[in-house]
Amino acid sequence: MYHAGYFTVRSDTSQVDKDIKWADAFLVVYSITDKNSFNNAIQLVEAIYDGKGTDELHVALVGNKIDLEHFRKVTTKEGQSAAEQLGCMFFEVSASENYDNVQEALNVVFRKVALHHKYMQQEKEKRKNNNPQIEKKKQKFGNSLFNWKNEKKRSPRRAETL
């Protein structure tokens, strides 16, 4: 997991590339009290999209520490605008005082991933069912292969005589 405050895009990009190959979703967290953290989060989201190279990805930009409103350096509008430009979800949470909003953010992301997987499975089934010719050919090939193996087992080799 990468926290935007501890991530340096230039030095860690190769590790991010390795880590994102298997993931379906990312929550990139920054502190609303630290503008640097926000800028790093934006760079990290861009690195994730670049490294993954697919639209089958769910990313959320999450502003943390909303309980420290009096120290706020990144406005909600800035976070929403960045998320909109990046094409990702946006949440603001307080991990220390209200885990409900953290849970809500996680649930939204998990639901999107689950719906995407369900959609992809349905599409796979549609492609499979929409082409009965291929299924018939597969079945025919499988049956002929099965019959050939059985014939081979039943008939012993005969020695040819000259």
N, C-alpha and C. Protein backbone atom coordinates (compact mmCIF):
# COMPACT_ATOMS: atom_id res chain seq x y z
N MET A 1 0.84 -1.17 0.00
CA MET A 1 0.00 0.00 0.00
C MET A 1 0.89 1.24 0.00
N TYR A 2 0.46 2.23 -0.75
CA TYR A 2 1.21 3.47 -0.84
C TYR A 2 0.39 4.59 -0.24
N HIS A 3 0.96 5.33 0.65
CA HIS A 3 0.34 6.52 1.20
C HIS A 3 1.00 7.68 0.48
N ALA A 4 0.19 8.58 -0.04
CA ALA A 4 0.72 9.66 -0.88
C ALA A 4 1.80 10.48 -0.17
N GLY A 5 1.74 10.60 1.12
CA GLY A 5 2.74 11.36 1.85
C GLY A 5 4.10 10.72 1.86
N TYR A 6 4.15 9.42 1.62
CA TYR A 6 5.43 8.68 1.69
C TYR A 6 5.86 8.16 0.32
N PHE A 7 5.20 8.60 -0.70
CA PHE A 7 5.47 8.09 -2.03
C PHE A 7 6.17 9.15 -2.86
N THR A 8 7.25 8.77 -3.49
CA THR A 8 7.94 9.65 -4.43
C THR A 8 7.84 8.99 -5.79
N VAL A 9 7.10 9.59 -6.68
CA VAL A 9 6.80 8.97 -7.97
C VAL A 9 8.06 8.62 -8.74
N ARG A 10 9.02 9.51 -8.81
CA ARG A 10 10.22 9.26 -9.61
C ARG A 10 11.01 8.05 -9.13
N SER A 11 11.11 7.89 -7.83
CA SER A 11 11.95 6.81 -7.31
C SER A 11 11.22 5.49 -7.17
N ASP A 12 9.90 5.52 -6.99
CA ASP A 12 9.16 4.29 -6.70
C ASP A 12 8.34 3.76 -7.86
N THR A 13 8.40 4.38 -9.04
CA THR A 13 7.53 4.02 -10.14
C THR A 13 7.68 2.55 -10.54
N SER A 14 8.90 2.03 -10.59
CA SER A 14 9.07 0.64 -11.01
C SER A 14 8.40 -0.32 -10.02
N GLN A 15 8.46 0.00 -8.75
CA GLN A 15 7.79 -0.83 -7.75
C GLN A 15 6.28 -0.73 -7.89
N VAL A 16 5.78 0.48 -8.17
CA VAL A 16 4.34 0.67 -8.38
C VAL A 16 3.90 -0.15 -9.59
N ASP A 17 4.68 -0.09 -10.67
CA ASP A 17 4.34 -0.86 -11.87
C ASP A 17 4.20 -2.34 -11.54
N LYS A 18 5.09 -2.86 -10.74
CA LYS A 18 5.02 -4.27 -10.36
C LYS A 18 3.78 -4.54 -9.51
N ASP A 19 3.52 -3.65 -8.58
CA ASP A 19 2.42 -3.85 -7.64
C ASP A 19 1.04 -3.72 -8.28
N ILE A 20 0.89 -2.88 -9.29
CA ILE A 20 -0.45 -2.64 -9.83
C ILE A 20 -0.90 -3.65 -10.88
N LYS A 21 -0.04 -4.51 -11.31
CA LYS A 21 -0.41 -5.45 -12.36
C LYS A 21 -1.56 -6.37 -11.94
N TRP A 22 -1.65 -6.70 -10.67
CA TRP A 22 -2.66 -7.66 -10.22
C TRP A 22 -3.88 -7.00 -9.59
N ALA A 23 -3.85 -5.71 -9.33
CA ALA A 23 -4.93 -5.06 -8.57
C ALA A 23 -6.09 -4.63 -9.47
N ASP A 24 -7.29 -4.66 -8.90
CA ASP A 24 -8.48 -4.19 -9.59
C ASP A 24 -8.91 -2.80 -9.12
N ALA A 25 -8.44 -2.40 -7.94
CA ALA A 25 -8.86 -1.12 -7.38
C ALA A 25 -7.74 -0.53 -6.53
N PHE A 26 -7.79 0.80 -6.41
CA PHE A 26 -6.81 1.52 -5.60
C PHE A 26 -7.52 2.63 -4.84
N LEU A 27 -7.13 2.80 -3.59
CA LEU A 27 -7.53 3.95 -2.80
C LEU A 27 -6.25 4.73 -2.52
N VAL A 28 -6.15 5.89 -3.10
CA VAL A 28 -4.97 6.72 -2.92
C VAL A 28 -5.34 7.78 -1.88
N VAL A 29 -4.66 7.74 -0.75
CA VAL A 29 -5.00 8.58 0.39
C VAL A 29 -4.00 9.72 0.54
N TYR A 30 -4.53 10.91 0.74
CA TYR A 30 -3.69 12.07 1.02
C TYR A 30 -4.24 12.78 2.25
N SER A 31 -3.44 13.61 2.85
CA SER A 31 -3.86 14.39 4.00
C SER A 31 -4.38 15.74 3.54
N ILE A 32 -5.56 16.13 4.02
CA ILE A 32 -6.09 17.44 3.64
C ILE A 32 -5.30 18.57 4.29
N THR A 33 -4.43 18.21 5.22
CA THR A 33 -3.61 19.22 5.91
C THR A 33 -2.23 19.39 5.28
N ASP A 34 -2.00 18.70 4.16
CA ASP A 34 -0.67 18.71 3.55
C ASP A 34 -0.80 18.78 2.02
N LYS A 35 -0.51 19.94 1.47
CA LYS A 35 -0.62 20.15 0.02
C LYS A 35 0.35 19.24 -0.75
N ASN A 36 1.52 18.98 -0.19
CA ASN A 36 2.50 18.09 -0.82
C ASN A 36 1.93 16.68 -0.95
N SER A 37 1.27 16.23 0.09
CA SER A 37 0.64 14.92 0.09
C SER A 37 -0.39 14.82 -1.04
N PHE A 38 -1.16 15.89 -1.22
CA PHE A 38 -2.17 15.95 -2.28
C PHE A 38 -1.52 15.86 -3.65
N ASN A 39 -0.46 16.64 -3.85
CA ASN A 39 0.24 16.61 -5.15
C ASN A 39 0.83 15.24 -5.43
N ASN A 40 1.39 14.61 -4.41
CA ASN A 40 1.93 13.26 -4.57
C ASN A 40 0.82 12.27 -4.90
N ALA A 41 -0.34 12.45 -4.29
CA ALA A 41 -1.48 11.56 -4.56
C ALA A 41 -1.90 11.65 -6.02
N ILE A 42 -1.94 12.86 -6.54
CA ILE A 42 -2.30 13.05 -7.95
C ILE A 42 -1.29 12.34 -8.85
N GLN A 43 -0.01 12.50 -8.55
CA GLN A 43 1.02 11.82 -9.34
C GLN A 43 0.89 10.30 -9.23
N LEU A 44 0.54 9.83 -8.06
CA LEU A 44 0.38 8.39 -7.87
C LEU A 44 -0.80 7.86 -8.68
N VAL A 45 -1.90 8.58 -8.68
CA VAL A 45 -3.06 8.15 -9.49
C VAL A 45 -2.67 8.11 -10.97
N GLU A 46 -1.95 9.11 -11.43
CA GLU A 46 -1.50 9.12 -12.83
C GLU A 46 -0.58 7.93 -13.11
N ALA A 47 0.32 7.63 -12.17
CA ALA A 47 1.23 6.49 -12.34
C ALA A 47 0.45 5.18 -12.38
N ILE A 48 -0.59 5.09 -11.59
CA ILE A 48 -1.42 3.88 -11.58
C ILE A 48 -2.10 3.70 -12.92
N TYR A 49 -2.73 4.75 -13.43
CA TYR A 49 -3.40 4.65 -14.73
C TYR A 49 -2.40 4.34 -15.84
N ASP A 50 -1.24 4.97 -15.80
CA ASP A 50 -0.21 4.72 -16.82
C ASP A 50 0.31 3.29 -16.73
N GLY A 51 0.56 2.83 -15.53
CA GLY A 51 1.12 1.49 -15.35
C GLY A 51 0.15 0.38 -15.63
N LYS A 52 -1.10 0.59 -15.31
CA LYS A 52 -2.12 -0.45 -15.51
C LYS A 52 -2.50 -0.55 -16.98
N GLY A 53 -2.63 0.59 -17.64
CA GLY A 53 -2.91 0.59 -19.07
C GLY A 53 -4.24 -0.03 -19.44
N THR A 54 -5.25 0.13 -18.61
CA THR A 54 -6.56 -0.44 -18.91
C THR A 54 -7.65 0.41 -18.28
N ASP A 55 -8.84 0.34 -18.83
CA ASP A 55 -9.98 1.04 -18.24
C ASP A 55 -10.64 0.19 -17.17
N GLU A 56 -10.24 -1.05 -17.05
CA GLU A 56 -10.82 -1.96 -16.07
C GLU A 56 -10.17 -1.75 -14.71
N LEU A 57 -10.28 -0.53 -14.24
CA LEU A 57 -9.58 -0.15 -13.03
C LEU A 57 -10.45 0.83 -12.25
N HIS A 58 -10.46 0.69 -10.95
CA HIS A 58 -11.25 1.56 -10.10
C HIS A 58 -10.30 2.24 -9.12
N VAL A 59 -10.26 3.57 -9.21
CA VAL A 59 -9.36 4.35 -8.38
C VAL A 59 -10.18 5.37 -7.60
N ALA A 60 -9.86 5.51 -6.32
CA ALA A 60 -10.49 6.53 -5.49
C ALA A 60 -9.41 7.42 -4.89
N LEU A 61 -9.62 8.70 -5.00
CA LEU A 61 -8.76 9.69 -4.37
C LEU A 61 -9.43 10.03 -3.04
N VAL A 62 -8.72 9.79 -1.95
CA VAL A 62 -9.32 9.91 -0.62
C VAL A 62 -8.57 10.95 0.21
N GLY A 63 -9.29 12.01 0.57
CA GLY A 63 -8.74 13.03 1.46
C GLY A 63 -9.00 12.60 2.90
N ASN A 64 -7.95 12.46 3.67
CA ASN A 64 -8.07 12.01 5.06
C ASN A 64 -7.86 13.19 6.01
N LYS A 65 -8.24 13.00 7.23
CA LYS A 65 -8.06 13.96 8.34
C LYS A 65 -9.06 15.11 8.30
N ILE A 66 -10.30 14.83 7.89
CA ILE A 66 -11.29 15.91 7.87
C ILE A 66 -11.65 16.36 9.29
N ASP A 67 -11.23 15.61 10.29
CA ASP A 67 -11.42 16.04 11.67
C ASP A 67 -10.48 17.20 12.01
N LEU A 68 -9.48 17.43 11.17
CA LEU A 68 -8.54 18.54 11.38
C LEU A 68 -8.85 19.69 10.42
N GLU A 69 -10.12 20.03 10.30
CA GLU A 69 -10.59 21.06 9.39
C GLU A 69 -9.84 22.39 9.57
N HIS A 70 -9.54 22.73 10.79
CA HIS A 70 -8.86 24.01 11.08
C HIS A 70 -7.42 24.05 10.55
N PHE A 71 -6.86 22.89 10.15
CA PHE A 71 -5.52 22.84 9.56
C PHE A 71 -5.56 22.57 8.06
N ARG A 72 -6.75 22.60 7.49
CA ARG A 72 -6.95 22.23 6.08
C ARG A 72 -6.11 23.10 5.14
N LYS A 73 -5.39 22.42 4.23
CA LYS A 73 -4.62 23.10 3.18
C LYS A 73 -5.15 22.76 1.78
N VAL A 74 -5.90 21.66 1.68
CA VAL A 74 -6.47 21.23 0.41
C VAL A 74 -7.99 21.29 0.54
N THR A 75 -8.63 22.12 -0.28
CA THR A 75 -10.08 22.27 -0.18
C THR A 75 -10.78 21.04 -0.77
N THR A 76 -12.01 20.86 -0.35
CA THR A 76 -12.83 19.77 -0.91
C THR A 76 -12.97 19.97 -2.41
N LYS A 77 -13.17 21.20 -2.83
CA LYS A 77 -13.32 21.50 -4.25
C LYS A 77 -12.08 21.10 -5.04
N GLU A 78 -10.89 21.36 -4.49
CA GLU A 78 -9.64 20.95 -5.16
C GLU A 78 -9.59 19.43 -5.32
N GLY A 79 -9.95 18.71 -4.28
CA GLY A 79 -9.96 17.25 -4.34
C GLY A 79 -10.95 16.73 -5.35
N GLN A 80 -12.16 17.29 -5.33
CA GLN A 80 -13.19 16.87 -6.29
C GLN A 80 -12.77 17.18 -7.72
N SER A 81 -12.21 18.34 -7.92
CA SER A 81 -11.77 18.74 -9.25
C SER A 81 -10.66 17.82 -9.78
N ALA A 82 -9.70 17.52 -8.92
CA ALA A 82 -8.61 16.62 -9.32
C ALA A 82 -9.16 15.23 -9.66
N ALA A 83 -10.06 14.74 -8.83
CA ALA A 83 -10.64 13.41 -9.08
C ALA A 83 -11.42 13.39 -10.38
N GLU A 84 -12.14 14.46 -10.65
CA GLU A 84 -12.90 14.55 -11.90
C GLU A 84 -11.97 14.55 -13.10
N GLN A 85 -10.90 15.35 -13.02
CA GLN A 85 -9.93 15.41 -14.12
C GLN A 85 -9.22 14.08 -14.33
N LEU A 86 -8.95 13.37 -13.23
CA LEU A 86 -8.26 12.08 -13.31
C LEU A 86 -9.20 10.94 -13.68
N GLY A 87 -10.50 11.18 -13.55
CA GLY A 87 -11.48 10.14 -13.87
C GLY A 87 -11.59 9.10 -12.76
N CYS A 88 -11.48 9.54 -11.52
CA CYS A 88 -11.59 8.60 -10.41
C CYS A 88 -12.62 9.07 -9.39
N MET A 89 -12.93 8.22 -8.46
CA MET A 89 -13.86 8.54 -7.39
C MET A 89 -13.19 9.46 -6.38
N PHE A 90 -14.02 10.15 -5.58
CA PHE A 90 -13.48 11.05 -4.57
C PHE A 90 -14.23 10.87 -3.26
N PHE A 91 -13.48 10.84 -2.17
CA PHE A 91 -14.04 10.75 -0.83
C PHE A 91 -13.20 11.61 0.11
N GLU A 92 -13.86 12.13 1.15
CA GLU A 92 -13.14 12.73 2.26
C GLU A 92 -13.55 11.99 3.51
N VAL A 93 -12.56 11.62 4.33
CA VAL A 93 -12.81 10.78 5.50
C VAL A 93 -11.99 11.26 6.69
N SER A 94 -12.36 10.72 7.84
CA SER A 94 -11.55 10.88 9.04
C SER A 94 -11.31 9.48 9.59
N ALA A 95 -10.14 8.97 9.34
CA ALA A 95 -9.83 7.61 9.80
C ALA A 95 -9.73 7.54 11.32
N SER A 96 -9.42 8.65 11.97
CA SER A 96 -9.24 8.60 13.42
C SER A 96 -10.55 8.80 14.19
N GLU A 97 -11.49 9.55 13.65
CA GLU A 97 -12.69 9.86 14.41
C GLU A 97 -13.96 9.20 13.90
N ASN A 98 -14.00 8.81 12.64
CA ASN A 98 -15.25 8.28 12.10
C ASN A 98 -14.95 7.19 11.07
N TYR A 99 -14.90 5.98 11.54
CA TYR A 99 -14.58 4.90 10.61
C TYR A 99 -15.73 4.60 9.65
N ASP A 100 -16.94 5.12 9.94
CA ASP A 100 -18.08 4.87 9.06
C ASP A 100 -17.85 5.42 7.66
N ASN A 101 -17.28 6.62 7.56
CA ASN A 101 -17.05 7.18 6.23
C ASN A 101 -15.90 6.45 5.52
N VAL A 102 -14.98 5.91 6.27
CA VAL A 102 -13.92 5.07 5.67
C VAL A 102 -14.56 3.79 5.12
N GLN A 103 -15.43 3.19 5.93
CA GLN A 103 -16.12 1.96 5.51
C GLN A 103 -16.98 2.23 4.28
N GLU A 104 -17.64 3.36 4.25
CA GLU A 104 -18.48 3.72 3.10
C GLU A 104 -17.64 3.82 1.83
N ALA A 105 -16.49 4.48 1.92
CA ALA A 105 -15.61 4.61 0.75
C ALA A 105 -15.16 3.24 0.26
N LEU A 106 -14.75 2.40 1.20
CA LEU A 106 -14.32 1.04 0.83
C LEU A 106 -15.46 0.26 0.19
N ASN A 107 -16.65 0.35 0.76
CA ASN A 107 -17.79 -0.37 0.22
C ASN A 107 -18.14 0.06 -1.20
N VAL A 108 -18.07 1.35 -1.46
CA VAL A 108 -18.36 1.85 -2.81
C VAL A 108 -17.36 1.26 -3.81
N VAL A 109 -16.10 1.29 -3.46
CA VAL A 109 -15.07 0.76 -4.35
C VAL A 109 -15.25 -0.75 -4.54
N PHE A 110 -15.48 -1.47 -3.45
CA PHE A 110 -15.67 -2.93 -3.54
C PHE A 110 -16.89 -3.26 -4.40
N ARG A 111 -17.98 -2.51 -4.23
CA ARG A 111 -19.18 -2.77 -5.04
C ARG A 111 -18.90 -2.55 -6.52
N LYS A 112 -18.15 -1.49 -6.84
CA LYS A 112 -17.82 -1.23 -8.24
C LYS A 112 -16.98 -2.36 -8.83
N VAL A 113 -16.04 -2.85 -8.07
CA VAL A 113 -15.21 -3.97 -8.54
C VAL A 113 -16.08 -5.21 -8.74
N ALA A 114 -16.94 -5.50 -7.77
CA ALA A 114 -17.80 -6.68 -7.86
C ALA A 114 -18.74 -6.58 -9.07
N LEU A 115 -19.32 -5.41 -9.29
CA LEU A 115 -20.20 -5.22 -10.45
C LEU A 115 -19.44 -5.36 -11.75
N HIS A 116 -18.22 -4.85 -11.77
CA HIS A 116 -17.40 -4.98 -12.98
C HIS A 116 -17.09 -6.45 -13.28
N HIS A 117 -16.73 -7.20 -12.24
CA HIS A 117 -16.43 -8.62 -12.44
C HIS A 117 -17.68 -9.36 -12.91
N LYS A 118 -18.82 -9.03 -12.34
CA LYS A 118 -20.08 -9.67 -12.74
C LYS A 118 -20.39 -9.34 -14.20
N TYR A 119 -20.22 -8.09 -14.59
CA TYR A 119 -20.45 -7.67 -15.96
C TYR A 119 -19.52 -8.41 -16.92
N MET A 120 -18.25 -8.50 -16.56
CA MET A 120 -17.28 -9.18 -17.43
C MET A 120 -17.64 -10.66 -17.58
N GLN A 121 -18.09 -11.29 -16.51
CA GLN A 121 -18.50 -12.69 -16.57
C GLN A 121 -19.72 -12.86 -17.48
N GLN A 122 -20.68 -11.93 -17.38
CA GLN A 122 -21.86 -11.99 -18.23
C GLN A 122 -21.48 -11.81 -19.70
N GLU A 123 -20.57 -10.89 -19.96
CA GLU A 123 -20.12 -10.68 -21.33
C GLU A 123 -19.43 -11.93 -21.88
N LYS A 124 -18.65 -12.57 -21.05
CA LYS A 124 -17.97 -13.81 -21.45
C LYS A 124 -19.00 -14.88 -21.80
N GLU A 125 -20.02 -14.99 -20.97
CA GLU A 125 -21.09 -15.97 -21.22
C GLU A 125 -21.85 -15.64 -22.51
N LYS A 126 -22.10 -14.36 -22.75
CA LYS A 126 -22.80 -13.95 -23.97
C LYS A 126 -22.00 -14.35 -25.20
N ARG A 127 -20.70 -14.06 -25.15
CA ARG A 127 -19.85 -14.41 -26.31
C ARG A 127 -19.85 -15.92 -26.53
N LYS A 128 -19.82 -16.65 -25.45
CA LYS A 128 -19.81 -18.10 -25.54
C LYS A 128 -21.13 -18.60 -26.12
N ASN A 129 -22.24 -18.05 -25.66
CA ASN A 129 -23.56 -18.50 -26.10
C ASN A 129 -23.97 -17.94 -27.45
N ASN A 130 -23.39 -16.84 -27.86
CA ASN A 130 -23.75 -16.22 -29.13
C ASN A 130 -23.10 -16.88 -30.34
N ASN A 131 -22.22 -17.81 -30.13
CA ASN A 131 -21.56 -18.44 -31.25
C ASN A 131 -21.68 -19.96 -31.14
N PRO A 132 -22.88 -20.47 -31.44
CA PRO A 132 -23.08 -21.91 -31.33
C PRO A 132 -22.23 -22.73 -32.30
N GLN A 133 -21.82 -22.14 -33.43
CA GLN A 133 -20.99 -22.85 -34.40
C GLN A 133 -19.68 -23.28 -33.77
N ILE A 134 -19.07 -22.37 -33.01
CA ILE A 134 -17.79 -22.69 -32.36
C ILE A 134 -18.00 -23.77 -31.33
N GLU A 135 -19.09 -23.67 -30.57
CA GLU A 135 -19.36 -24.69 -29.55
C GLU A 135 -19.57 -26.06 -30.20
N LYS A 136 -20.27 -26.10 -31.33
CA LYS A 136 -20.49 -27.37 -32.03
C LYS A 136 -19.16 -27.95 -32.52
N LYS A 137 -18.30 -27.08 -33.05
CA LYS A 137 -16.99 -27.54 -33.52
C LYS A 137 -16.15 -28.06 -32.38
N LYS A 138 -16.18 -27.35 -31.23
CA LYS A 138 -15.43 -27.82 -30.06
C LYS A 138 -15.94 -29.18 -29.62
N GLN A 139 -17.25 -29.31 -29.56
CA GLN A 139 -17.85 -30.57 -29.11
C GLN A 139 -17.51 -31.70 -30.10
N LYS A 140 -17.60 -31.41 -31.38
CA LYS A 140 -17.29 -32.41 -32.40
C LYS A 140 -15.82 -32.84 -32.31
N PHE A 141 -14.93 -31.85 -32.15
CA PHE A 141 -13.52 -32.15 -32.03
C PHE A 141 -13.26 -32.98 -30.78
N GLY A 142 -13.88 -32.60 -29.67
CA GLY A 142 -13.71 -33.34 -28.43
C GLY A 142 -14.20 -34.77 -28.55
N ASN A 143 -15.35 -34.95 -29.18
CA ASN A 143 -15.89 -36.31 -29.36
C ASN A 143 -14.99 -37.14 -30.26
N SER A 144 -14.50 -36.55 -31.34
CA SER A 144 -13.65 -37.33 -32.25
C SER A 144 -12.33 -37.68 -31.57
N LEU A 145 -11.79 -36.78 -30.77
CA LEU A 145 -10.56 -37.06 -30.03
C LEU A 145 -10.80 -38.17 -29.02
N PHE A 146 -11.92 -38.10 -28.32
CA PHE A 146 -12.27 -39.13 -27.34
C PHE A 146 -12.43 -40.49 -28.03
N ASN A 147 -13.13 -40.52 -29.16
CA ASN A 147 -13.33 -41.78 -29.89
C ASN A 147 -12.01 -42.33 -30.41
N TRP A 148 -11.13 -41.46 -30.88
CA TRP A 148 -9.83 -41.90 -31.40
C TRP A 148 -9.01 -42.54 -30.28
N LYS A 149 -9.01 -41.93 -29.10
CA LYS A 149 -8.27 -42.49 -27.97
C LYS A 149 -8.84 -43.85 -27.57
N ASN A 150 -10.16 -43.96 -27.56
CA ASN A 150 -10.78 -45.24 -27.18
C ASN A 150 -10.51 -46.33 -28.21
N GLU A 151 -10.53 -45.97 -29.48
CA GLU A 151 -10.23 -46.96 -30.52
C GLU A 151 -8.79 -47.46 -30.37
N LYS A 152 -7.91 -46.56 -30.05
CA LYS A 152 -6.52 -46.92 -29.87
C LYS A 152 -6.35 -47.91 -28.71
N LYS A 153 -7.10 -47.68 -27.65
CA LYS A 153 -7.01 -48.56 -26.49
C LYS A 153 -7.59 -49.94 -26.79
N ARG A 154 -8.67 -50.01 -27.55
CA ARG A 154 -9.35 -51.28 -27.82
C ARG A 154 -8.62 -52.16 -28.79
N SER A 155 -8.04 -51.59 -29.80
CA SER A 155 -7.40 -52.43 -30.81
C SER A 155 -5.90 -52.54 -30.56
N PRO A 156 -5.44 -53.74 -30.23
CA PRO A 156 -4.01 -53.92 -29.99
C PRO A 156 -3.25 -53.79 -31.31
N ARG A 157 -2.01 -53.46 -31.23
CA ARG A 157 -1.20 -53.32 -32.44
C ARG A 157 -1.00 -54.70 -33.06
N ARG A 158 -1.15 -54.71 -34.32
CA ARG A 158 -0.94 -55.98 -35.04
C ARG A 158 0.43 -55.92 -35.70
N ALA A 159 1.10 -56.99 -35.61
CA ALA A 159 2.40 -57.05 -36.27
C ALA A 159 2.15 -57.27 -37.75
N GLU A 160 2.73 -56.44 -38.52
CA GLU A 160 2.53 -56.57 -39.96
C GLU A 160 3.49 -57.63 -40.48
N THR A 161 2.95 -58.47 -41.32
CA THR A 161 3.80 -59.51 -41.93
C THR A 161 4.03 -59.17 -43.38
N LEU A 162 5.16 -59.55 -43.84
CA LEU A 162 5.50 -59.29 -45.25
C LEU A 162 5.19 -60.44 -46.10
